[in-house]
C-alpha atoms as a PDB file:
ATOM      1  CA  MET A   1     -52.756 -38.284 -42.429  1.00  0.00           C
ATOM      2  CA  ASN A   2     -51.407 -39.824 -38.961  1.00  0.00           C
ATOM      3  CA  LYS A   3     -47.748 -39.869 -38.359  1.00  0.00           C
ATOM      4  CA  ILE A   4     -46.252 -43.022 -37.576  1.00  0.00           C
ATOM      5  CA  PRO A   5     -44.149 -42.512 -34.215  1.00  0.00           C
ATOM      6  CA  GLU A   6     -40.505 -42.979 -33.761  1.00  0.00           C
ATOM      7  CA  SER A   7     -41.026 -46.070 -31.604  1.00  0.00           C
ATOM      8  CA  GLU A   8     -42.895 -47.924 -34.248  1.00  0.00           C
ATOM      9  CA  LEU A   9     -40.481 -46.758 -37.540  1.00  0.00           C
ATOM     10  CA  ILE A  10     -37.287 -46.558 -36.320  1.00  0.00           C
ATOM     11  CA  LEU A  11     -34.567 -44.580 -38.608  1.00  0.00           C
ATOM     12  CA  ASN A  12     -30.660 -44.109 -38.311  1.00  0.00           C
ATOM     13  CA  SER A  13     -29.415 -41.098 -38.059  1.00  0.00           C
ATOM     14  CA  ASP A  14     -28.905 -39.980 -41.820  1.00  0.00           C
ATOM     15  CA  ASN A  15     -32.849 -40.913 -41.830  1.00  0.00           C
ATOM     16  CA  SER A  16     -32.409 -44.695 -43.297  1.00  0.00           C
ATOM     17  CA  VAL A  17     -34.644 -47.869 -42.353  1.00  0.00           C
ATOM     18  CA  TYR A  18     -33.258 -49.027 -39.069  1.00  0.00           C
ATOM     19  CA  HIS A  19     -32.169 -52.673 -39.901  1.00  0.00           C
ATOM     20  CA  LEU A  20     -30.868 -52.204 -43.346  1.00  0.00           C
ATOM     21  CA  ASN A  21     -29.295 -49.135 -43.088  1.00  0.00           C
ATOM     22  CA  LEU A  22     -30.816 -48.361 -46.867  1.00  0.00           C
ATOM     23  CA  LEU A  23     -32.353 -44.851 -48.348  1.00  0.00           C
ATOM     24  CA  PRO A  24     -35.040 -44.794 -50.687  1.00  0.00           C
ATOM     25  CA  HIS A  25     -32.886 -44.394 -53.697  1.00  0.00           C
ATOM     26  CA  GLU A  26     -30.248 -46.895 -53.041  1.00  0.00           C
ATOM     27  CA  ILE A  27     -33.074 -50.077 -53.871  1.00  0.00           C
ATOM     28  CA  ALA A  28     -34.533 -51.093 -57.278  1.00  0.00           C
ATOM     29  CA  ASP A  29     -37.928 -51.893 -58.142  1.00  0.00           C
ATOM     30  CA  THR A  30     -36.861 -55.610 -58.167  1.00  0.00           C
ATOM     31  CA  ILE A  31     -35.256 -56.930 -55.353  1.00  0.00           C
ATOM     32  CA  ILE A  32     -33.582 -60.169 -55.380  1.00  0.00           C
ATOM     33  CA  ASN A  33     -33.269 -61.623 -51.908  1.00  0.00           C
ATOM     34  CA  VAL A  34     -31.065 -64.487 -50.350  1.00  0.00           C
ATOM     35  CA  GLY A  35     -30.266 -65.387 -47.256  1.00  0.00           C
ATOM     36  CA  ASP A  36     -26.731 -65.919 -47.091  1.00  0.00           C
ATOM     37  CA  PRO A  37     -24.559 -62.254 -47.070  1.00  0.00           C
ATOM     38  CA  ASP A  38     -22.318 -64.516 -48.714  1.00  0.00           C
ATOM     39  CA  ARG A  39     -24.311 -65.498 -51.633  1.00  0.00           C
ATOM     40  CA  VAL A  40     -24.661 -61.659 -52.296  1.00  0.00           C
ATOM     41  CA  ALA A  41     -21.306 -61.380 -54.033  1.00  0.00           C
ATOM     42  CA  LEU A  42     -21.913 -64.116 -55.790  1.00  0.00           C
ATOM     43  CA  VAL A  43     -25.427 -62.342 -57.436  1.00  0.00           C
ATOM     44  CA  SER A  44     -23.462 -59.282 -58.253  1.00  0.00           C
ATOM     45  CA  ARG A  45     -20.410 -60.777 -59.800  1.00  0.00           C
ATOM     46  CA  PHE A  46     -22.728 -60.895 -62.817  1.00  0.00           C
ATOM     47  CA  PHE A  47     -23.880 -57.354 -62.841  1.00  0.00           C
ATOM     48  CA  GLN A  48     -22.133 -55.035 -65.262  1.00  0.00           C
ATOM     49  CA  SER A  49     -21.884 -52.242 -63.004  1.00  0.00           C
ATOM     50  CA  VAL A  50     -22.289 -51.886 -58.885  1.00  0.00           C
ATOM     51  CA  GLU A  51     -23.704 -48.464 -57.663  1.00  0.00           C
ATOM     52  CA  ILE A  52     -24.300 -49.361 -53.795  1.00  0.00           C
ATOM     53  CA  ARG A  53     -22.414 -51.520 -51.462  1.00  0.00           C
ATOM     54  CA  LYS A  54     -23.984 -51.389 -48.230  1.00  0.00           C
ATOM     55  CA  GLN A  55     -23.726 -54.238 -45.030  1.00  0.00           C
ATOM     56  CA  LYS A  56     -25.375 -54.128 -41.632  1.00  0.00           C
ATOM     57  CA  ARG A  57     -25.563 -57.002 -39.020  1.00  0.00           C
ATOM     58  CA  GLU A  58     -26.392 -59.869 -41.688  1.00  0.00           C
ATOM     59  CA  PHE A  59     -27.753 -57.275 -44.305  1.00  0.00           C
ATOM     60  CA  VAL A  60     -25.902 -56.657 -47.217  1.00  0.00           C
ATOM     61  CA  THR A  61     -27.158 -54.754 -49.767  1.00  0.00           C
ATOM     62  CA  HIS A  62     -25.563 -54.515 -53.871  1.00  0.00           C
ATOM     63  CA  THR A  63     -27.496 -52.708 -56.502  1.00  0.00           C
ATOM     64  CA  GLY A  64     -26.869 -52.628 -59.941  1.00  0.00           C
ATOM     65  CA  LEU A  65     -26.841 -52.987 -63.772  1.00  0.00           C
ATOM     66  CA  TYR A  66     -27.084 -56.265 -65.218  1.00  0.00           C
ATOM     67  CA  LYS A  67     -27.937 -56.030 -69.126  1.00  0.00           C
ATOM     68  CA  GLY A  68     -29.478 -52.708 -68.474  1.00  0.00           C
ATOM     69  CA  LYS A  69     -32.207 -53.465 -65.986  1.00  0.00           C
ATOM     70  CA  ARG A  70     -31.531 -52.164 -62.602  1.00  0.00           C
ATOM     71  CA  ILE A  71     -31.653 -54.870 -59.753  1.00  0.00           C
ATOM     72  CA  THR A  72     -30.883 -54.808 -56.208  1.00  0.00           C
ATOM     73  CA  VAL A  73     -29.874 -58.091 -53.979  1.00  0.00           C
ATOM     74  CA  LEU A  74     -30.131 -57.770 -50.799  1.00  0.00           C
ATOM     75  CA  SER A  75     -29.128 -60.957 -48.002  1.00  0.00           C
ATOM     76  CA  THR A  76     -32.390 -61.378 -45.524  1.00  0.00           C
ATOM     77  CA  GLY A  77     -30.379 -64.214 -43.253  1.00  0.00           C
ATOM     78  CA  ILE A  78     -31.912 -67.220 -41.892  1.00  0.00           C
ATOM     79  CA  GLY A  79     -35.439 -67.333 -41.137  1.00  0.00           C
ATOM     80  CA  THR A  80     -38.862 -65.993 -40.915  1.00  0.00           C
ATOM     81  CA  ASP A  81     -38.193 -63.479 -38.233  1.00  0.00           C
ATOM     82  CA  ASN A  82     -35.315 -61.998 -40.613  1.00  0.00           C
ATOM     83  CA  ILE A  83     -38.127 -61.531 -43.385  1.00  0.00           C
ATOM     84  CA  ASP A  84     -40.254 -59.847 -41.001  1.00  0.00           C
ATOM     85  CA  ILE A  85     -37.585 -57.638 -40.776  1.00  0.00           C
ATOM     86  CA  VAL A  86     -36.517 -57.237 -44.308  1.00  0.00           C
ATOM     87  CA  TYR A  87     -39.965 -57.106 -45.884  1.00  0.00           C
ATOM     88  CA  ASN A  88     -41.355 -54.121 -43.482  1.00  0.00           C
ATOM     89  CA  GLU A  89     -38.632 -52.213 -44.066  1.00  0.00           C
ATOM     90  CA  LEU A  90     -38.401 -52.139 -47.844  1.00  0.00           C
ATOM     91  CA  ASP A  91     -41.900 -51.146 -48.004  1.00  0.00           C
ATOM     92  CA  ALA A  92     -41.237 -48.645 -45.575  1.00  0.00           C
ATOM     93  CA  LEU A  93     -38.633 -47.402 -48.265  1.00  0.00           C
ATOM     94  CA  VAL A  94     -41.204 -47.140 -51.070  1.00  0.00           C
ATOM     95  CA  ASN A  95     -44.787 -46.008 -49.594  1.00  0.00           C
ATOM     96  CA  ILE A  96     -43.765 -44.111 -46.399  1.00  0.00           C
ATOM     97  CA  ASP A  97     -42.245 -40.267 -46.561  1.00  0.00           C
ATOM     98  CA  LEU A  98     -39.689 -41.411 -44.251  1.00  0.00           C
ATOM     99  CA  GLU A  99     -39.157 -37.225 -43.133  1.00  0.00           C
ATOM    100  CA  LYS A 100     -42.719 -36.755 -42.683  1.00  0.00           C
ATOM    101  CA  ARG A 101     -43.336 -40.209 -41.154  1.00  0.00           C
ATOM    102  CA  VAL A 102     -46.700 -40.627 -43.442  1.00  0.00           C
ATOM    103  CA  ILE A 103     -47.664 -43.401 -45.590  1.00  0.00           C
ATOM    104  CA  LYS A 104     -47.459 -42.243 -49.118  1.00  0.00           C
ATOM    105  CA  GLU A 105     -50.581 -41.478 -51.411  1.00  0.00           C
ATOM    106  CA  LYS A 106     -49.542 -43.231 -53.684  1.00  0.00           C
ATOM    107  CA  LEU A 107     -48.197 -46.924 -53.127  1.00  0.00           C
ATOM    108  CA  SER A 108     -45.791 -48.617 -55.332  1.00  0.00           C
ATOM    109  CA  THR A 109     -44.877 -51.925 -55.979  1.00  0.00           C
ATOM    110  CA  LEU A 110     -42.083 -54.251 -56.028  1.00  0.00           C
ATOM    111  CA  ASN A 111     -40.957 -57.310 -57.270  1.00  0.00           C
ATOM    112  CA  LEU A 112     -39.412 -59.897 -54.674  1.00  0.00           C
ATOM    113  CA  ILE A 113     -37.854 -62.380 -55.369  1.00  0.00           C
ATOM    114  CA  ARG A 114     -35.919 -65.404 -53.342  1.00  0.00           C
ATOM    115  CA  ILE A 115     -33.196 -67.692 -54.455  1.00  0.00           C
ATOM    116  CA  GLY A 116     -32.125 -69.703 -52.276  1.00  0.00           C
ATOM    117  CA  THR A 117     -31.384 -73.691 -51.667  1.00  0.00           C
ATOM    118  CA  SER A 118     -34.292 -76.124 -50.216  1.00  0.00           C
ATOM    119  CA  GLY A 119     -34.283 -79.797 -49.650  1.00  0.00           C
ATOM    120  CA  SER A 120     -36.795 -82.132 -51.618  1.00  0.00           C
ATOM    121  CA  LEU A 121     -39.504 -83.914 -49.880  1.00  0.00           C
ATOM    122  CA  GLN A 122     -40.754 -86.154 -53.115  1.00  0.00           C
ATOM    123  CA  LYS A 123     -38.886 -88.973 -54.645  1.00  0.00           C
ATOM    124  CA  ASP A 124     -39.203 -87.178 -58.315  1.00  0.00           C
ATOM    125  CA  ILE A 125     -37.896 -83.866 -57.632  1.00  0.00           C
ATOM    126  CA  PRO A 126     -33.699 -84.569 -57.597  1.00  0.00           C
ATOM    127  CA  VAL A 127     -31.010 -82.645 -56.155  1.00  0.00           C
ATOM    128  CA  ASP A 128     -29.640 -80.126 -58.253  1.00  0.00           C
ATOM    129  CA  SER A 129     -32.994 -79.420 -59.716  1.00  0.00           C
ATOM    130  CA  PHE A 130     -35.101 -76.122 -59.381  1.00  0.00           C
ATOM    131  CA  VAL A 131     -38.230 -75.575 -57.541  1.00  0.00           C
ATOM    132  CA  PHE A 132     -40.345 -72.746 -57.886  1.00  0.00           C
ATOM    133  CA  SER A 133     -42.975 -72.354 -54.962  1.00  0.00           C
ATOM    134  CA  LYS A 134     -46.105 -72.099 -56.304  1.00  0.00           C
ATOM    135  CA  PHE A 135     -47.958 -71.491 -52.476  1.00  0.00           C
ATOM    136  CA  GLY A 136     -45.764 -70.779 -49.751  1.00  0.00           C
ATOM    137  CA  LEU A 137     -46.819 -72.748 -46.282  1.00  0.00           C
ATOM    138  CA  GLY A 138     -45.717 -71.146 -42.764  1.00  0.00           C
ATOM    139  CA  LEU A 139     -45.683 -73.336 -40.448  1.00  0.00           C
ATOM    140  CA  ASP A 140     -43.450 -71.022 -38.094  1.00  0.00           C
ATOM    141  CA  GLY A 141     -46.442 -68.797 -36.606  1.00  0.00           C
ATOM    142  CA  LEU A 142     -45.078 -65.213 -38.233  1.00  0.00           C
ATOM    143  CA  LEU A 143     -48.404 -64.187 -39.923  1.00  0.00           C
ATOM    144  CA  ASN A 144     -50.629 -65.401 -37.036  1.00  0.00           C
ATOM    145  CA  PHE A 145     -49.583 -61.934 -35.815  1.00  0.00           C
ATOM    146  CA  TYR A 146     -50.938 -59.900 -39.077  1.00  0.00           C
ATOM    147  CA  LYS A 147     -54.301 -60.372 -40.842  1.00  0.00           C
ATOM    148  CA  LEU A 148     -53.662 -62.360 -43.987  1.00  0.00           C
ATOM    149  CA  PRO A 149     -56.385 -61.881 -46.338  1.00  0.00           C
ATOM    150  CA  ASN A 150     -56.861 -65.367 -47.749  1.00  0.00           C
ATOM    151  CA  ASP A 151     -59.104 -66.537 -51.302  1.00  0.00           C
ATOM    152  CA  GLU A 152     -61.402 -69.762 -51.554  1.00  0.00           C
ATOM    153  CA  GLU A 153     -58.500 -71.646 -52.634  1.00  0.00           C
ATOM    154  CA  GLU A 154     -55.764 -70.905 -50.496  1.00  0.00           C
ATOM    155  CA  LYS A 155     -58.599 -71.528 -47.462  1.00  0.00           C
ATOM    156  CA  ASP A 156     -59.035 -74.611 -48.582  1.00  0.00           C
ATOM    157  CA  ILE A 157     -55.235 -75.820 -49.214  1.00  0.00           C
ATOM    158  CA  VAL A 158     -54.647 -74.444 -45.904  1.00  0.00           C
ATOM    159  CA  ASN A 159     -57.883 -76.142 -44.269  1.00  0.00           C
ATOM    160  CA  ALA A 160     -56.697 -79.582 -45.581  1.00  0.00           C
ATOM    161  CA  PHE A 161     -53.331 -79.061 -44.300  1.00  0.00           C
ATOM    162  CA  ARG A 162     -54.457 -78.351 -40.786  1.00  0.00           C
ATOM    163  CA  LYS A 163     -56.548 -81.201 -40.675  1.00  0.00           C
ATOM    164  CA  HIS A 164     -53.936 -83.659 -42.189  1.00  0.00           C
ATOM    165  CA  TYR A 165     -51.100 -81.838 -40.024  1.00  0.00           C
ATOM    166  CA  PRO A 166     -53.278 -81.228 -36.236  1.00  0.00           C
ATOM    167  CA  ASN A 167     -51.207 -78.750 -33.695  1.00  0.00           C
ATOM    168  CA  GLU A 168     -52.778 -80.751 -31.333  1.00  0.00           C
ATOM    169  CA  GLY A 169     -52.371 -76.958 -29.499  1.00  0.00           C
ATOM    170  CA  ILE A 170     -48.269 -77.144 -28.888  1.00  0.00           C
ATOM    171  CA  LEU A 171     -47.518 -76.233 -32.541  1.00  0.00           C
ATOM    172  CA  SER A 172     -48.415 -72.730 -34.542  1.00  0.00           C
ATOM    173  CA  LEU A 173     -51.580 -72.488 -37.106  1.00  0.00           C
ATOM    174  CA  PRO A 174     -49.954 -73.129 -40.239  1.00  0.00           C
ATOM    175  CA  TYR A 175     -51.033 -70.659 -42.657  1.00  0.00           C
ATOM    176  CA  LEU A 176     -50.546 -70.218 -46.930  1.00  0.00           C
ATOM    177  CA  ALA A 177     -50.385 -67.779 -49.583  1.00  0.00           C
ATOM    178  CA  ARG A 178     -49.795 -67.828 -53.320  1.00  0.00           C
ATOM    179  CA  CYS A 179     -46.799 -66.452 -55.124  1.00  0.00           C
ATOM    180  CA  SER A 180     -47.332 -63.375 -57.591  1.00  0.00           C
ATOM    181  CA  SER A 181     -48.624 -64.849 -61.049  1.00  0.00           C
ATOM    182  CA  LYS A 182     -46.577 -61.879 -63.022  1.00  0.00           C
ATOM    183  CA  LEU A 183     -43.748 -63.636 -61.264  1.00  0.00           C
ATOM    184  CA  GLU A 184     -44.920 -67.133 -62.278  1.00  0.00           C
ATOM    185  CA  ASP A 185     -45.137 -66.382 -65.808  1.00  0.00           C
ATOM    186  CA  LYS A 186     -42.061 -64.809 -66.519  1.00  0.00           C
ATOM    187  CA  LEU A 187     -39.560 -67.004 -63.989  1.00  0.00           C
ATOM    188  CA  SER A 188     -40.626 -70.554 -63.402  1.00  0.00           C
ATOM    189  CA  GLU A 189     -40.733 -71.974 -67.280  1.00  0.00           C
ATOM    190  CA  GLY A 190     -38.893 -75.930 -66.728  1.00  0.00           C
ATOM    191  CA  MET A 191     -38.885 -75.543 -63.038  1.00  0.00           C
ATOM    192  CA  PHE A 192     -41.018 -78.280 -60.651  1.00  0.00           C
ATOM    193  CA  LYS A 193     -44.234 -76.345 -59.160  1.00  0.00           C
ATOM    194  CA  GLY A 194     -45.656 -77.172 -55.874  1.00  0.00           C
ATOM    195  CA  ILE A 195     -46.185 -76.026 -52.075  1.00  0.00           C
ATOM    196  CA  THR A 196     -42.943 -74.958 -50.283  1.00  0.00           C
ATOM    197  CA  ALA A 197     -43.305 -75.464 -46.384  1.00  0.00           C
ATOM    198  CA  SER A 198     -41.357 -72.733 -43.958  1.00  0.00           C
ATOM    199  CA  CYS A 199     -39.925 -74.225 -41.030  1.00  0.00           C
ATOM    200  CA  SER A 200     -39.150 -72.542 -37.625  1.00  0.00           C
ATOM    201  CA  GLY A 201     -36.059 -74.105 -37.406  1.00  0.00           C
ATOM    202  CA  PHE A 202     -33.112 -76.417 -39.467  1.00  0.00           C
ATOM    203  CA  TYR A 203     -32.765 -79.758 -36.736  1.00  0.00           C
ATOM    204  CA  ALA A 204     -36.135 -80.414 -34.828  1.00  0.00           C
ATOM    205  CA  PRO A 205     -38.225 -78.523 -36.925  1.00  0.00           C
ATOM    206  CA  GLN A 206     -37.128 -80.304 -40.599  1.00  0.00           C
ATOM    207  CA  GLY A 207     -36.897 -83.610 -38.571  1.00  0.00           C
ATOM    208  CA  ARG A 208     -33.520 -83.871 -38.431  1.00  0.00           C
ATOM    209  CA  ILE A 209     -32.427 -86.454 -35.154  1.00  0.00           C
ATOM    210  CA  LEU A 210     -29.231 -85.716 -33.240  1.00  0.00           C
ATOM    211  CA  ARG A 211     -28.866 -86.128 -29.602  1.00  0.00           C
ATOM    212  CA  TYR A 212     -32.799 -85.475 -28.863  1.00  0.00           C
ATOM    213  CA  GLU A 213     -36.008 -87.355 -29.195  1.00  0.00           C
ATOM    214  CA  LEU A 214     -38.302 -85.618 -32.221  1.00  0.00           C
ATOM    215  CA  ALA A 215     -42.121 -84.779 -30.955  1.00  0.00           C
ATOM    216  CA  ARG A 216     -43.032 -85.285 -34.364  1.00  0.00           C
ATOM    217  CA  PRO A 217     -40.805 -88.299 -35.227  1.00  0.00           C
ATOM    218  CA  ASN A 218     -43.372 -88.826 -38.787  1.00  0.00           C
ATOM    219  CA  PHE A 219     -42.370 -85.095 -39.483  1.00  0.00           C
ATOM    220  CA  ILE A 220     -41.314 -86.128 -43.321  1.00  0.00           C
ATOM    221  CA  GLN A 221     -43.796 -88.417 -44.063  1.00  0.00           C
ATOM    222  CA  THR A 222     -46.407 -85.989 -42.880  1.00  0.00           C
ATOM    223  CA  LEU A 223     -45.211 -83.161 -45.498  1.00  0.00           C
ATOM    224  CA  HIS A 224     -44.260 -85.906 -47.902  1.00  0.00           C
ATOM    225  CA  SER A 225     -47.925 -87.420 -48.264  1.00  0.00           C
ATOM    226  CA  PHE A 226     -49.951 -84.222 -48.103  1.00  0.00           C
ATOM    227  CA  SER A 227     -52.214 -83.643 -51.544  1.00  0.00           C
ATOM    228  CA  HIS A 228     -54.833 -81.684 -51.779  1.00  0.00           C
ATOM    229  CA  ALA A 229     -56.671 -80.109 -55.095  1.00  0.00           C
ATOM    230  CA  SER A 230     -53.984 -81.560 -57.584  1.00  0.00           C
ATOM    231  CA  GLN A 231     -51.368 -79.584 -54.663  1.00  0.00           C
ATOM    232  CA  ARG A 232     -48.298 -81.179 -52.692  1.00  0.00           C
ATOM    233  CA  ILE A 233     -45.455 -80.241 -50.909  1.00  0.00           C
ATOM    234  CA  THR A 234     -42.606 -80.064 -52.884  1.00  0.00           C
ATOM    235  CA  ASN A 235     -39.712 -78.867 -50.494  1.00  0.00           C
ATOM    236  CA  PHE A 236     -38.798 -77.275 -47.160  1.00  0.00           C
ATOM    237  CA  GLU A 237     -36.717 -74.309 -46.204  1.00  0.00           C
ATOM    238  CA  MET A 238     -36.778 -71.457 -43.538  1.00  0.00           C
ATOM    239  CA  GLU A 239     -38.620 -68.231 -46.377  1.00  0.00           C
ATOM    240  CA  THR A 240     -40.975 -68.973 -48.336  1.00  0.00           C
ATOM    241  CA  GLY A 241     -44.150 -68.534 -46.181  1.00  0.00           C
ATOM    242  CA  ALA A 242     -43.180 -65.010 -44.136  1.00  0.00           C
ATOM    243  CA  MET A 243     -42.289 -63.963 -47.690  1.00  0.00           C
ATOM    244  CA  TYR A 244     -45.437 -64.615 -49.793  1.00  0.00           C
ATOM    245  CA  GLY A 245     -47.868 -63.734 -46.392  1.00  0.00           C
ATOM    246  CA  LEU A 246     -46.304 -60.393 -45.532  1.00  0.00           C
ATOM    247  CA  ALA A 247     -45.968 -59.816 -49.834  1.00  0.00           C
ATOM    248  CA  LYS A 248     -49.579 -60.073 -50.111  1.00  0.00           C
ATOM    249  CA  ILE A 249     -50.211 -57.364 -47.109  1.00  0.00           C
ATOM    250  CA  LEU A 250     -48.290 -55.537 -48.359  1.00  0.00           C
ATOM    251  CA  GLY A 251     -48.860 -55.225 -52.174  1.00  0.00           C
ATOM    252  CA  HIS A 252     -46.240 -56.861 -53.579  1.00  0.00           C
ATOM    253  CA  ASN A 253     -44.982 -59.435 -56.611  1.00  0.00           C
ATOM    254  CA  CYS A 254     -43.351 -62.155 -55.029  1.00  0.00           C
ATOM    255  CA  CYS A 255     -42.016 -65.406 -55.669  1.00  0.00           C
ATOM    256  CA  SER A 256     -39.650 -67.830 -54.313  1.00  0.00           C
ATOM    257  CA  ILE A 257     -36.953 -70.302 -56.350  1.00  0.00           C
ATOM    258  CA  ASN A 258     -34.817 -72.914 -54.707  1.00  0.00           C
ATOM    259  CA  ALA A 259     -31.871 -75.028 -55.992  1.00  0.00           C
ATOM    260  CA  ILE A 260     -32.105 -78.295 -54.819  1.00  0.00           C
ATOM    261  CA  VAL A 261     -29.328 -79.384 -52.448  1.00  0.00           C
ATOM    262  CA  ALA A 262     -30.623 -82.893 -50.696  1.00  0.00           C
ATOM    263  CA  ASN A 263     -33.334 -85.392 -51.176  1.00  0.00           C
ATOM    264  CA  ARG A 264     -34.812 -85.570 -47.429  1.00  0.00           C
ATOM    265  CA  ILE A 265     -36.926 -88.813 -48.739  1.00  0.00           C
ATOM    266  CA  THR A 266     -34.052 -90.303 -50.951  1.00  0.00           C
ATOM    267  CA  ASN A 267     -31.595 -89.222 -48.794  1.00  0.00           C
ATOM    268  CA  GLU A 268     -29.501 -87.750 -51.422  1.00  0.00           C
ATOM    269  CA  HIS A 269     -27.323 -84.765 -50.999  1.00  0.00           C
ATOM    270  CA  THR A 270     -25.995 -82.796 -53.611  1.00  0.00           C
ATOM    271  CA  HIS A 271     -21.969 -82.545 -54.722  1.00  0.00           C
ATOM    272  CA  ASN A 272     -22.786 -79.644 -57.313  1.00  0.00           C
ATOM    273  CA  ALA A 273     -23.759 -77.369 -54.916  1.00  0.00           C
ATOM    274  CA  GLU A 274     -22.047 -73.811 -56.211  1.00  0.00           C
ATOM    275  CA  LYS A 275     -22.840 -75.064 -59.750  1.00  0.00           C
ATOM    276  CA  THR A 276     -26.328 -75.630 -59.153  1.00  0.00           C
ATOM    277  CA  MET A 277     -26.334 -72.116 -57.534  1.00  0.00           C
ATOM    278  CA  ASP A 278     -24.395 -70.046 -60.409  1.00  0.00           C
ATOM    279  CA  SER A 279     -26.685 -71.992 -63.407  1.00  0.00           C
ATOM    280  CA  LEU A 280     -30.045 -70.659 -60.975  1.00  0.00           C
ATOM    281  CA  ILE A 281     -28.612 -67.343 -60.535  1.00  0.00           C
ATOM    282  CA  GLU A 282     -28.096 -66.850 -63.565  1.00  0.00           C
ATOM    283  CA  THR A 283     -30.969 -68.314 -65.167  1.00  0.00           C
ATOM    284  CA  VAL A 284     -33.501 -65.861 -62.984  1.00  0.00           C
ATOM    285  CA  LEU A 285     -31.441 -62.580 -63.962  1.00  0.00           C
ATOM    286  CA  ASP A 286     -31.699 -63.361 -67.489  1.00  0.00           C
ATOM    287  CA  ARG A 287     -35.157 -63.910 -66.934  1.00  0.00           C
ATOM    288  CA  ILE A 288     -35.496 -60.745 -64.927  1.00  0.00           C
ATOM    289  CA  ALA A 289     -33.467 -58.879 -67.695  1.00  0.00           C
ATOM    290  CA  ALA A 290     -35.383 -60.370 -70.620  1.00  0.00           C
ATOM    291  CA  GLY A 291     -38.631 -59.061 -69.645  1.00  0.00           C
ATOM    292  CA  LEU A 292     -39.318 -58.050 -65.907  1.00  0.00           C
END
């Protein structure tokens, strides 16, 4: 089996993966991803015990027990570029022998669950509600560097969106991947479902106007109006598309669940962000402990 060069898989002096600074035994097979490093402690404060606490850059990791279930919570920071780092290094921790630098013969599957915040793109999805992403639609371009396999349903939806929102030779080609059906069955009850669009930035890439003009001034309406094969774009943020695409390529279960903190169609913003996030965290933890 071919040995992976040091330049391709960089390790720290203690043999931990480079950016996350983690060793294989320090993560559970169920991992909650949050964007904000401060949100890690908001999740782990519900744990009965915490065995691992580590931080390097924006990547904070706590591993502990919740109702007898070993869970890791790890911050990714903002953006799909960080997801590229986090998901590749998490996969390396379980599927690459870091000492021998070879891919393991028996591969492991992680459960990767995003808990985040997002903006609604539909009037009927109000602030303080929860959205489970059935599909992740990447507008950022990251997965165009990978060979992403799509089934016929995924191809049908993404091709329809590309016609609805042509890149005109200046934007990245949109890509799309589906959530894990296993995680959907276990975690999504009572939540809104649909397509989550992942943007490459927070201001102009999400249609916000400050001291500039937008190249695509109709961006919000374009996402809002898309509908194909009973699927619509429910919300947008900055990570889900890359998560779904990389998880599919690497063979992991993945889902993204967002608390809606703003509605970009009605221009409303939540006044109960902390309470809503606490409710989402407890809901997800309880459902993980109940049978994941």
